[in-house]
Structures are given as structure tokens and as C-alpha cells.
Amino acid sequence: MRKMKRMTTWMEAFVNNVIHIDEHNREHRLGRRTFEMGLNTLADLPFSQYRKLNGYRHHRSFGDSLQKNGTKSLSPFNVEVPGSVDWREKGLVTDVKNQGMCGSCWTA
């Protein structure tokens, strides 16, 4: 019974996510969104479970060491820095990869 409930939850999440993706992509085709969405390995997760996987987890000890040992950024010297760079034009963008807890890899 427990397995059936879990499967029902996953199926409901998948169907809801497909509907959300379809609605978003319809808006994209109408020019109201700047990106398309698609299915990935997270498509069967309910949003509550997805949120538990997604995002940086701050560890106090790590943050404390950054405050004590931080570095400063220096402005470029004698270098012309462009306002923007499209790395795709330079052939330097790879396929989307699962980067674990970050979650942003699935937005590419």
C-alpha cells in the first residue's frame, strides 16, 4: 500500500510538471517567456521534494573561514573587458550535466 501511494505521488507530480511545462512553452511560443522548458530526471518529484534537493547549503564553519581569509578583487589593468561574452559562439559551452545539490544545471 505504501509503495502504491508513493507511486501515485510521483505520477501526480509528473503529470502536474508536464502540464506546467506545456503551459510555460505555450507562453514561450507567444513571446511571453524567454526560455523553453523540458523534461529531465527531476520531472517526477513533487515540488516539496525538489526544494529539498535544490540549492546551496551553507555550512557555518565554511562561511566563517571565508570571512577570516577572504580575498579582494582587483580591477583589470591595461585590459579591455567586453560588456558581455556569448560562450556558445566560442564553442565553449558543454551539454547540461547534473551538478548535484546546486540544481541550476537543469536550467541550461
N, C-alpha and C. Protein backbone atom coordinates (compact mmCIF):
# COMPACT_ATOMS: atom_id res chain seq x y z
N MET A 1 0.82 -1.20 0.00
CA MET A 1 0.00 0.00 0.00
C MET A 1 0.87 1.26 0.00
N ARG A 2 1.93 1.22 0.79
CA ARG A 2 2.83 2.38 0.88
C ARG A 2 3.51 2.66 -0.46
N LYS A 3 3.93 1.57 -1.12
CA LYS A 3 4.57 1.71 -2.42
C LYS A 3 3.61 2.31 -3.45
N MET A 4 2.35 1.90 -3.38
CA MET A 4 1.34 2.41 -4.31
C MET A 4 1.11 3.91 -4.08
N LYS A 5 1.09 4.33 -2.81
CA LYS A 5 0.89 5.74 -2.51
C LYS A 5 2.06 6.58 -3.03
N ARG A 6 3.28 6.06 -2.84
CA ARG A 6 4.47 6.76 -3.33
C ARG A 6 4.43 6.86 -4.86
N MET A 7 4.04 5.79 -5.51
CA MET A 7 3.97 5.80 -6.97
C MET A 7 2.90 6.79 -7.45
N THR A 8 1.77 6.84 -6.74
CA THR A 8 0.72 7.79 -7.09
C THR A 8 1.22 9.22 -6.94
N THR A 9 1.96 9.48 -5.87
CA THR A 9 2.52 10.82 -5.65
C THR A 9 3.46 11.20 -6.78
N TRP A 10 4.34 10.27 -7.18
CA TRP A 10 5.27 10.55 -8.28
C TRP A 10 4.53 10.78 -9.59
N MET A 11 3.50 9.96 -9.84
CA MET A 11 2.75 10.10 -11.09
C MET A 11 2.01 11.43 -11.12
N GLU A 12 1.39 11.80 -10.00
CA GLU A 12 0.71 13.10 -9.93
C GLU A 12 1.70 14.24 -10.16
N ALA A 13 2.87 14.14 -9.54
CA ALA A 13 3.89 15.17 -9.71
C ALA A 13 4.32 15.25 -11.17
N PHE A 14 4.53 14.10 -11.80
CA PHE A 14 4.95 14.08 -13.20
C PHE A 14 3.89 14.73 -14.09
N VAL A 15 2.63 14.35 -13.91
CA VAL A 15 1.55 14.92 -14.73
C VAL A 15 1.47 16.43 -14.51
N ASN A 16 1.52 16.86 -13.25
CA ASN A 16 1.48 18.30 -12.95
C ASN A 16 2.65 19.04 -13.58
N ASN A 17 3.83 18.43 -13.54
CA ASN A 17 5.00 19.08 -14.14
C ASN A 17 4.91 19.14 -15.66
N VAL A 18 4.37 18.10 -16.28
CA VAL A 18 4.17 18.12 -17.74
C VAL A 18 3.19 19.24 -18.12
N ILE A 19 2.12 19.38 -17.35
CA ILE A 19 1.16 20.46 -17.61
C ILE A 19 1.84 21.82 -17.46
N HIS A 20 2.62 21.97 -16.39
CA HIS A 20 3.34 23.24 -16.16
C HIS A 20 4.30 23.54 -17.31
N ILE A 21 5.04 22.53 -17.76
CA ILE A 21 5.99 22.71 -18.86
C ILE A 21 5.25 23.09 -20.14
N ASP A 22 4.15 22.40 -20.43
CA ASP A 22 3.37 22.72 -21.64
C ASP A 22 2.84 24.15 -21.61
N GLU A 23 2.31 24.56 -20.46
CA GLU A 23 1.80 25.94 -20.34
C GLU A 23 2.92 26.96 -20.50
N HIS A 24 4.05 26.68 -19.88
CA HIS A 24 5.19 27.60 -20.00
C HIS A 24 5.65 27.70 -21.46
N ASN A 25 5.80 26.55 -22.12
CA ASN A 25 6.28 26.56 -23.50
C ASN A 25 5.29 27.21 -24.46
N ARG A 26 4.01 27.11 -24.15
CA ARG A 26 3.00 27.83 -24.95
C ARG A 26 3.24 29.33 -24.82
N GLU A 27 3.50 29.79 -23.61
CA GLU A 27 3.81 31.21 -23.38
C GLU A 27 5.10 31.60 -24.11
N HIS A 28 6.06 30.69 -24.15
CA HIS A 28 7.32 30.95 -24.86
C HIS A 28 7.07 31.14 -26.36
N ARG A 29 6.25 30.28 -26.94
CA ARG A 29 5.94 30.39 -28.37
C ARG A 29 5.23 31.71 -28.69
N LEU A 30 4.50 32.24 -27.73
CA LEU A 30 3.81 33.52 -27.91
C LEU A 30 4.71 34.71 -27.60
N GLY A 31 5.96 34.44 -27.26
CA GLY A 31 6.91 35.52 -26.98
C GLY A 31 6.81 36.10 -25.58
N ARG A 32 6.12 35.42 -24.69
CA ARG A 32 5.94 35.93 -23.33
C ARG A 32 6.97 35.37 -22.35
N ARG A 33 7.75 34.41 -22.78
CA ARG A 33 8.82 33.81 -21.96
C ARG A 33 10.09 33.79 -22.78
N THR A 34 11.22 33.87 -22.11
CA THR A 34 12.50 33.94 -22.83
C THR A 34 13.20 32.60 -22.95
N PHE A 35 12.64 31.55 -22.37
CA PHE A 35 13.29 30.24 -22.44
C PHE A 35 12.24 29.14 -22.52
N GLU A 36 12.67 27.99 -23.01
CA GLU A 36 11.79 26.82 -23.09
C GLU A 36 12.10 25.89 -21.93
N MET A 37 11.12 25.08 -21.57
CA MET A 37 11.30 24.08 -20.53
C MET A 37 11.14 22.69 -21.14
N GLY A 38 11.70 21.68 -20.48
CA GLY A 38 11.57 20.31 -20.94
C GLY A 38 11.68 19.35 -19.78
N LEU A 39 11.45 18.08 -20.05
CA LEU A 39 11.53 17.05 -19.02
C LEU A 39 12.98 16.72 -18.71
N ASN A 40 13.23 16.39 -17.45
CA ASN A 40 14.55 15.93 -17.02
C ASN A 40 14.37 14.91 -15.90
N THR A 41 15.44 14.53 -15.26
CA THR A 41 15.37 13.49 -14.23
C THR A 41 14.62 13.93 -12.98
N LEU A 42 14.29 15.19 -12.86
CA LEU A 42 13.57 15.69 -11.69
C LEU A 42 12.07 15.82 -11.94
N ALA A 43 11.61 15.45 -13.11
CA ALA A 43 10.22 15.71 -13.52
C ALA A 43 9.18 14.96 -12.69
N ASP A 44 9.57 13.87 -12.03
CA ASP A 44 8.58 13.12 -11.25
C ASP A 44 8.62 13.47 -9.76
N LEU A 45 9.37 14.50 -9.40
CA LEU A 45 9.41 14.91 -7.99
C LEU A 45 8.36 15.96 -7.70
N PRO A 46 7.63 15.77 -6.60
CA PRO A 46 6.76 16.87 -6.15
C PRO A 46 7.63 18.07 -5.79
N PHE A 47 7.10 19.27 -5.90
CA PHE A 47 7.88 20.48 -5.66
C PHE A 47 8.52 20.47 -4.27
N SER A 48 7.81 19.96 -3.27
CA SER A 48 8.35 19.93 -1.90
C SER A 48 9.62 19.09 -1.83
N GLN A 49 9.68 17.98 -2.56
CA GLN A 49 10.89 17.15 -2.58
C GLN A 49 11.99 17.79 -3.41
N TYR A 50 11.60 18.42 -4.51
CA TYR A 50 12.58 19.12 -5.35
C TYR A 50 13.29 20.20 -4.54
N ARG A 51 12.54 20.97 -3.76
CA ARG A 51 13.13 22.06 -2.96
C ARG A 51 14.16 21.52 -1.97
N LYS A 52 13.98 20.30 -1.48
CA LYS A 52 14.94 19.73 -0.54
C LYS A 52 16.26 19.40 -1.23
N LEU A 53 16.21 19.13 -2.52
CA LEU A 53 17.42 18.80 -3.28
C LEU A 53 18.14 20.03 -3.80
N ASN A 54 17.42 21.10 -3.99
CA ASN A 54 17.92 22.25 -4.73
C ASN A 54 18.52 23.30 -3.83
N GLY A 55 19.63 23.83 -4.26
CA GLY A 55 20.19 25.00 -3.60
C GLY A 55 21.42 24.72 -2.76
N TYR A 56 22.19 25.74 -2.61
CA TYR A 56 23.40 25.69 -1.82
C TYR A 56 23.06 25.56 -0.34
N ARG A 57 23.77 24.71 0.36
CA ARG A 57 23.59 24.55 1.80
C ARG A 57 24.77 25.19 2.51
N HIS A 58 24.50 26.27 3.21
CA HIS A 58 25.56 26.99 3.92
C HIS A 58 25.98 26.20 5.15
N HIS A 59 27.28 25.98 5.28
CA HIS A 59 27.84 25.35 6.47
C HIS A 59 28.58 26.43 7.23
N ARG A 60 28.21 26.62 8.47
CA ARG A 60 28.75 27.72 9.27
C ARG A 60 30.28 27.72 9.27
N SER A 61 30.91 26.58 9.45
CA SER A 61 32.37 26.56 9.52
C SER A 61 33.00 27.05 8.22
N PHE A 62 32.39 26.70 7.07
CA PHE A 62 32.91 27.16 5.79
C PHE A 62 32.77 28.67 5.65
N GLY A 63 31.60 29.20 5.99
CA GLY A 63 31.36 30.63 5.90
C GLY A 63 32.26 31.42 6.82
N ASP A 64 32.51 30.91 8.01
CA ASP A 64 33.38 31.60 8.96
C ASP A 64 34.80 31.71 8.41
N SER A 65 35.29 30.65 7.76
CA SER A 65 36.65 30.71 7.23
C SER A 65 36.75 31.72 6.09
N LEU A 66 35.66 31.88 5.32
CA LEU A 66 35.68 32.87 4.25
C LEU A 66 35.79 34.28 4.80
N GLN A 67 35.10 34.54 5.90
CA GLN A 67 35.15 35.87 6.49
C GLN A 67 36.54 36.18 7.02
N LYS A 68 37.22 35.20 7.55
CA LYS A 68 38.55 35.42 8.12
C LYS A 68 39.63 35.47 7.04
N ASN A 69 39.45 34.70 5.97
CA ASN A 69 40.51 34.55 4.98
C ASN A 69 40.09 35.01 3.59
N GLY A 70 39.16 35.94 3.50
CA GLY A 70 38.65 36.38 2.20
C GLY A 70 39.70 37.11 1.38
N THR A 71 39.50 37.13 0.08
CA THR A 71 40.39 37.87 -0.80
C THR A 71 39.62 39.04 -1.41
N LYS A 72 40.35 39.97 -1.96
CA LYS A 72 39.73 41.13 -2.59
C LYS A 72 39.93 41.04 -4.10
N SER A 73 38.97 41.53 -4.83
CA SER A 73 39.04 41.53 -6.28
C SER A 73 39.70 42.82 -6.75
N LEU A 74 40.58 42.69 -7.73
CA LEU A 74 41.25 43.85 -8.30
C LEU A 74 40.70 44.13 -9.69
N SER A 75 40.61 45.37 -10.05
CA SER A 75 40.16 45.74 -11.39
C SER A 75 41.22 45.35 -12.41
N PRO A 76 40.80 44.96 -13.63
CA PRO A 76 41.77 44.61 -14.67
C PRO A 76 42.69 45.80 -14.98
N PHE A 77 43.96 45.51 -15.21
CA PHE A 77 44.95 46.53 -15.50
C PHE A 77 45.37 46.41 -16.96
N ASN A 78 45.21 47.48 -17.74
CA ASN A 78 45.58 47.50 -19.16
C ASN A 78 44.88 46.41 -19.97
N VAL A 79 43.63 46.13 -19.66
CA VAL A 79 42.88 45.10 -20.37
C VAL A 79 41.51 45.66 -20.73
N GLU A 80 41.11 45.46 -21.98
CA GLU A 80 39.77 45.84 -22.42
C GLU A 80 38.84 44.66 -22.12
N VAL A 81 37.89 44.86 -21.26
CA VAL A 81 36.95 43.81 -20.89
C VAL A 81 35.61 44.09 -21.58
N PRO A 82 35.11 43.12 -22.38
CA PRO A 82 33.84 43.35 -23.07
C PRO A 82 32.68 43.40 -22.07
N GLY A 83 31.60 44.05 -22.47
CA GLY A 83 30.42 44.14 -21.63
C GLY A 83 29.73 42.80 -21.45
N SER A 84 29.85 41.92 -22.44
CA SER A 84 29.27 40.58 -22.34
C SER A 84 30.02 39.64 -23.27
N VAL A 85 29.90 38.35 -22.99
CA VAL A 85 30.53 37.32 -23.80
C VAL A 85 29.51 36.20 -23.99
N ASP A 86 29.31 35.76 -25.23
CA ASP A 86 28.46 34.61 -25.50
C ASP A 86 29.39 33.42 -25.73
N TRP A 87 29.55 32.61 -24.69
CA TRP A 87 30.49 31.50 -24.76
C TRP A 87 30.06 30.45 -25.78
N ARG A 88 28.77 30.43 -26.15
CA ARG A 88 28.31 29.49 -27.18
C ARG A 88 28.98 29.80 -28.51
N GLU A 89 29.13 31.10 -28.83
CA GLU A 89 29.76 31.50 -30.09
C GLU A 89 31.22 31.06 -30.14
N LYS A 90 31.83 30.89 -29.00
CA LYS A 90 33.23 30.48 -28.94
C LYS A 90 33.39 28.96 -28.83
N GLY A 91 32.25 28.25 -28.84
CA GLY A 91 32.28 26.79 -28.77
C GLY A 91 32.71 26.26 -27.41
N LEU A 92 32.47 27.02 -26.36
CA LEU A 92 32.95 26.63 -25.04
C LEU A 92 31.84 26.22 -24.08
N VAL A 93 30.64 25.96 -24.60
CA VAL A 93 29.53 25.54 -23.75
C VAL A 93 29.30 24.05 -23.97
N THR A 94 29.24 23.29 -22.88
CA THR A 94 29.02 21.85 -22.97
C THR A 94 27.55 21.54 -22.72
N ASP A 95 27.18 20.29 -22.90
CA ASP A 95 25.82 19.86 -22.60
C ASP A 95 25.55 20.01 -21.10
N VAL A 96 24.28 20.07 -20.76
CA VAL A 96 23.88 20.19 -19.36
C VAL A 96 24.30 18.93 -18.61
N LYS A 97 24.86 19.12 -17.42
CA LYS A 97 25.28 18.00 -16.57
C LYS A 97 24.64 18.14 -15.20
N ASN A 98 24.43 17.03 -14.54
CA ASN A 98 23.91 17.06 -13.18
C ASN A 98 25.03 17.49 -12.25
N GLN A 99 24.86 18.62 -11.60
CA GLN A 99 25.89 19.13 -10.69
C GLN A 99 25.49 18.94 -9.23
N GLY A 100 24.64 17.95 -8.98
CA GLY A 100 24.29 17.61 -7.61
C GLY A 100 23.36 18.61 -6.95
N MET A 101 23.71 19.04 -5.75
CA MET A 101 22.82 19.85 -4.91
C MET A 101 22.51 21.23 -5.46
N CYS A 102 23.29 21.73 -6.37
CA CYS A 102 23.07 23.08 -6.87
C CYS A 102 21.71 23.22 -7.54
N GLY A 103 21.40 22.32 -8.47
CA GLY A 103 20.11 22.37 -9.15
C GLY A 103 20.06 23.30 -10.34
N SER A 104 20.93 24.27 -10.41
CA SER A 104 20.85 25.23 -11.51
C SER A 104 21.31 24.63 -12.83
N CYS A 105 22.00 23.50 -12.79
CA CYS A 105 22.46 22.88 -14.03
C CYS A 105 21.28 22.50 -14.92
N TRP A 106 20.12 22.27 -14.32
CA TRP A 106 18.96 21.87 -15.11
C TRP A 106 18.28 23.05 -15.77
N THR A 107 18.77 24.24 -15.55
CA THR A 107 18.14 25.41 -16.16
C THR A 107 18.77 25.78 -17.48
N ALA A 108 19.84 25.12 -17.84
CA ALA A 108 20.54 25.49 -19.07
C ALA A 108 19.77 25.07 -20.30
